[in-house]
Amino acid sequence: MEIKSQLVKDSRLVGYDNAVNFIPYYTSDVWSKDGKYFIFYSRRDGKISLNKYYPDQKRHVTVLDLDKWSSSFTSAKDPYAEFVVSGHARNTETVLIPFDNKICHVSIPEKSMRFSDAVFPDDTLLSGPFNVSDDGKYLTGVNFSKSASKLEKTSIFVYDIGNEKIVFLKEFDFFANHTQFFSDSGRILFCHEGPTEQIPDRLHLLEWKTGAHYPIYPQKHNDKGELIECVGHEMPAGHRVVAVRYPVSKMEDCGIILVNPKAKTGELLDQDDYLHVASDASGSIFIMDTCWWGNTRRKTENQSDVILFDNMTKKKEILASVCCSMKNQIYHVHPRLNKKGSIILCTAKESVASDNAKILFMKLR
């Protein structure tokens, strides 16, 4: 790991030694409501724990051991999968984790966990990434058949956290995923998941209270009608959506795009070898990581730059370079900003040969 910018006022690696420390998917807000700590997971000696870290005190605390997850259907294939997609209700300090077809509420203050009264259909599984609305009232994610050998259909759900009720469940005739609330909790951004180079309508919007849904960004085709633009890793950015135009696109100007859902248009903001992009609450600051395959300039495997883009000044800055891996989501860099855009968290693998990883904390000037 190497810090490369004077914009970074303070930086450190967070987590337990000789462990796999990781944070939920970058679309999940891991910060406490007062901003004093953030949550992360750690796997040590084969057991996973939920932890919190206090930056001002430079200390981490174990909240709860979660070894019971070894009995879930999904964990038998990937012990990290359900934790990576977990959601966080900041207003009640509750972590929401899928366990087969149930939602588990983990209370941080009480250091306890219990299953919700809401149960999804038998022979189904829950996944995500889970996402909690800004007001803390709702959780969204996806539900799908446990027996499906290939995910061709999924259902999007909305779960009332306080009343523990499923208030919306709709099946789509494609692999719908990556659900995220806008600041208006009645609208959800989601994607058509699958082979990126074969999907012409990745970005969708769902008005779940009416059931209406529609694509919001027509991807570019050539004169022969062939898809040349591949986009993904989208996220709400204020009232707009920021996404990556992947380097596997058959275009020279790949980078981050800002989409206007109402106008169904998008503009290229910056050109680079981007993989993920995240936004602050207002859509003023974006943070990205880079990749090394496809039509990229960067070709160093397992190495990613963390780059900040100021949407107000249209300037970019490489903040750091970290080791990563594509073999599991826990080793993806997944940079994310706090709501104010002043702190960045991302994953930094210890080395290419090591399985251990820590969380890179960077505070901006």
Foldseek 3Di string as FASTA:
>chain_A
DFFDDPQFPDKDWDDDPPWAKFAAFLQAFQAAPVRQWGWIWIADPNWIFIKIAGVVVRDIDTLETDRVLCPAPVCVVPVCFFRNLWHAQRVQRWIWTWGFQWIKTQGRVVSDIDTFPDGDDPQKTWHASWEAAPVSQKIKWWMDGNPDPDFAKIWIWIAGVVVRYTPFIGMDRGRKYHWYAANPNQKIWIARDDDQQVDQQGIKMARGVVRDMDGQAGADDDPVRHGQWGKDQWDDAHQWIKIWRALQGNDDFTGIWITRRVVNYIDHLHGAQWDHWEYANHNQKIKTKHAADHNHPHPDPQKIWIKMAGNVVSDMDGGTMAGFDPPDPRRFQNWHAYNVRFKIKGKHAPDPPDPHITIMITGGD
